[in-house]
C-alpha cells in the first residue's frame, strides 16, 4: 500500500474550504475531551495540526470548526497531553 508523507492512503483526507481550495491532511487521531470527540489532522508536508469537533454517523463522519475559545483551549490541552504521552512511550526494540 502506498504511503504519502508517512501516512497510508486510508489515513489521508482532503479538506475542502469555503474559498474552494483543498488541502490533503493525514489523520493523527481521534480523541475525546470533556465528553466530545475531536480529530487531529496534519496538513501533508507541514508540522501544523488542525483540530475539529468530530462525529461519526454510520459509515460517514462529520467535522465541525471549534468556535468557542474555551472549548478550543481545552482541546489543545488534551491533544498536547496525548502527544507527550505518545512521545514518552518506549519504542519496541527487537
C-alpha atoms as a PDB file:
ATOM      1  CA  UNK A   1       0.000   0.000   0.000  1.00  0.00           C
ATOM      2  CA  UNK A   2       1.373   3.423  -0.972  1.00  0.00           C
ATOM      3  CA  UNK A   3       2.312   5.981   1.631  1.00  0.00           C
ATOM      4  CA  UNK A   4       2.425   9.736   1.385  1.00  0.00           C
ATOM      5  CA  UNK A   5       4.428  11.711   3.963  1.00  0.00           C
ATOM      6  CA  UNK A   6       4.347   8.625   6.197  1.00  0.00           C
ATOM      7  CA  UNK A   7       0.548   8.213   6.065  1.00  0.00           C
ATOM      8  CA  UNK A   8      -1.223   5.240   4.487  1.00  0.00           C
ATOM      9  CA  UNK A   9      -3.725   6.214   1.783  1.00  0.00           C
ATOM     10  CA  UNK A  10      -6.709   5.400   4.015  1.00  0.00           C
ATOM     11  CA  UNK A  11      -5.344   7.793   6.670  1.00  0.00           C
ATOM     12  CA  UNK A  12      -5.401  10.820   4.342  1.00  0.00           C
ATOM     13  CA  UNK A  13      -8.438  13.026   3.819  1.00  0.00           C
ATOM     14  CA  UNK A  14      -8.937  16.090   1.669  1.00  0.00           C
ATOM     15  CA  UNK A  15     -10.330  19.190   3.340  1.00  0.00           C
ATOM     16  CA  UNK A  16     -12.426  21.497   1.178  1.00  0.00           C
ATOM     17  CA  UNK A  17     -12.525  25.100   2.376  1.00  0.00           C
ATOM     18  CA  UNK A  18     -15.161  27.791   1.764  1.00  0.00           C
ATOM     19  CA  UNK A  19     -12.885  29.507  -0.773  1.00  0.00           C
ATOM     20  CA  UNK A  20     -12.904  26.249  -2.809  1.00  0.00           C
ATOM     21  CA  UNK A  21      -9.275  25.420  -2.032  1.00  0.00           C
ATOM     22  CA  UNK A  22      -8.374  21.909  -0.962  1.00  0.00           C
ATOM     23  CA  UNK A  23      -5.719  20.537   1.367  1.00  0.00           C
ATOM     24  CA  UNK A  24      -4.698  16.937   1.953  1.00  0.00           C
ATOM     25  CA  UNK A  25      -4.231  16.024   5.616  1.00  0.00           C
ATOM     26  CA  UNK A  26      -3.037  12.959   7.443  1.00  0.00           C
ATOM     27  CA  UNK A  27      -5.205  11.788  10.319  1.00  0.00           C
ATOM     28  CA  UNK A  28      -3.186  11.963  13.530  1.00  0.00           C
ATOM     29  CA  UNK A  29      -6.048  10.533  15.547  1.00  0.00           C
ATOM     30  CA  UNK A  30      -9.480  10.874  17.086  1.00  0.00           C
ATOM     31  CA  UNK A  31      -9.638  11.619  20.809  1.00  0.00           C
ATOM     32  CA  UNK A  32     -12.091  12.639  23.500  1.00  0.00           C
ATOM     33  CA  UNK A  33     -12.084  15.805  25.585  1.00  0.00           C
ATOM     34  CA  UNK A  34     -14.817  16.888  28.003  1.00  0.00           C
ATOM     35  CA  UNK A  35     -17.207  14.210  26.700  1.00  0.00           C
ATOM     36  CA  UNK A  36     -16.927  15.108  22.993  1.00  0.00           C
ATOM     37  CA  UNK A  37     -14.846  13.622  20.215  1.00  0.00           C
ATOM     38  CA  UNK A  38     -12.260  15.561  18.213  1.00  0.00           C
ATOM     39  CA  UNK A  39      -9.965  14.813  15.310  1.00  0.00           C
ATOM     40  CA  UNK A  40      -6.385  15.998  14.825  1.00  0.00           C
ATOM     41  CA  UNK A  41      -5.196  16.459  11.251  1.00  0.00           C
ATOM     42  CA  UNK A  42      -1.739  17.196   9.853  1.00  0.00           C
ATOM     43  CA  UNK A  43      -1.613  19.055   6.518  1.00  0.00           C
ATOM     44  CA  UNK A  44       0.784  16.988   4.410  1.00  0.00           C
ATOM     45  CA  UNK A  45       4.306  18.363   4.221  1.00  0.00           C
ATOM     46  CA  UNK A  46       3.903  20.607   7.280  1.00  0.00           C
ATOM     47  CA  UNK A  47       4.218  20.371  11.036  1.00  0.00           C
ATOM     48  CA  UNK A  48       0.841  22.107  11.509  1.00  0.00           C
ATOM     49  CA  UNK A  49      -2.092  20.483  13.289  1.00  0.00           C
ATOM     50  CA  UNK A  50      -5.765  21.231  12.653  1.00  0.00           C
ATOM     51  CA  UNK A  51      -8.283  20.330  15.361  1.00  0.00           C
ATOM     52  CA  UNK A  52     -12.001  19.815  14.652  1.00  0.00           C
ATOM     53  CA  UNK A  53     -15.025  18.504  16.513  1.00  0.00           C
ATOM     54  CA  UNK A  54     -15.704  15.025  15.113  1.00  0.00           C
ATOM     55  CA  UNK A  55     -18.902  12.962  14.829  1.00  0.00           C
ATOM     56  CA  UNK A  56     -19.409   9.558  13.241  1.00  0.00           C
ATOM     57  CA  UNK A  57     -22.695   8.734  11.541  1.00  0.00           C
ATOM     58  CA  UNK A  58     -22.659   5.114  10.422  1.00  0.00           C
ATOM     59  CA  UNK A  59     -20.018   4.806   7.698  1.00  0.00           C
ATOM     60  CA  UNK A  60     -19.804   8.586   7.334  1.00  0.00           C
ATOM     61  CA  UNK A  61     -18.270  11.257   9.554  1.00  0.00           C
ATOM     62  CA  UNK A  62     -18.657  14.993  10.063  1.00  0.00           C
ATOM     63  CA  UNK A  63     -16.175  17.604  11.217  1.00  0.00           C
ATOM     64  CA  UNK A  64     -17.055  20.989  12.667  1.00  0.00           C
ATOM     65  CA  UNK A  65     -14.976  24.031  13.498  1.00  0.00           C
ATOM     66  CA  UNK A  66     -14.467  24.651  17.208  1.00  0.00           C
ATOM     67  CA  UNK A  67     -15.813  28.199  17.525  1.00  0.00           C
ATOM     68  CA  UNK A  68     -15.767  28.509  21.320  1.00  0.00           C
ATOM     69  CA  UNK A  69     -12.371  29.728  22.556  1.00  0.00           C
ATOM     70  CA  UNK A  70     -12.627  27.931  25.923  1.00  0.00           C
ATOM     71  CA  UNK A  71     -13.558  24.651  24.241  1.00  0.00           C
ATOM     72  CA  UNK A  72     -10.695  25.076  21.762  1.00  0.00           C
ATOM     73  CA  UNK A  73      -8.198  25.701  24.584  1.00  0.00           C
ATOM     74  CA  UNK A  74      -9.432  22.554  26.384  1.00  0.00           C
ATOM     75  CA  UNK A  75      -8.994  20.538  23.185  1.00  0.00           C
ATOM     76  CA  UNK A  76      -5.470  21.883  22.682  1.00  0.00           C
ATOM     77  CA  UNK A  77      -4.512  20.894  26.243  1.00  0.00           C
ATOM     78  CA  UNK A  78      -5.921  17.383  25.791  1.00  0.00           C
ATOM     79  CA  UNK A  79      -4.178  16.939  22.425  1.00  0.00           C
ATOM     80  CA  UNK A  80      -0.852  18.196  23.773  1.00  0.00           C
ATOM     81  CA  UNK A  81      -1.183  15.799  26.722  1.00  0.00           C
ATOM     82  CA  UNK A  82      -1.730  12.903  24.346  1.00  0.00           C
ATOM     83  CA  UNK A  83       1.295  13.887  22.278  1.00  0.00           C
ATOM     84  CA  UNK A  84       3.508  13.999  25.390  1.00  0.00           C
ATOM     85  CA  UNK A  85       2.332  10.514  26.438  1.00  0.00           C
ATOM     86  CA  UNK A  86       2.973   9.176  22.918  1.00  0.00           C
ATOM     87  CA  UNK A  87       6.471  10.703  22.861  1.00  0.00           C
ATOM     88  CA  UNK A  88       7.281   9.092  26.214  1.00  0.00           C
ATOM     89  CA  UNK A  89       6.237   5.563  25.216  1.00  0.00           C
ATOM     90  CA  UNK A  90       9.314   3.356  24.792  1.00  0.00           C
ATOM     91  CA  UNK A  91       9.976   2.015  21.334  1.00  0.00           C
ATOM     92  CA  UNK A  92       9.787  -1.734  20.926  1.00  0.00           C
ATOM     93  CA  UNK A  93      13.316  -2.883  20.119  1.00  0.00           C
ATOM     94  CA  UNK A  94      13.863  -6.380  18.725  1.00  0.00           C
END
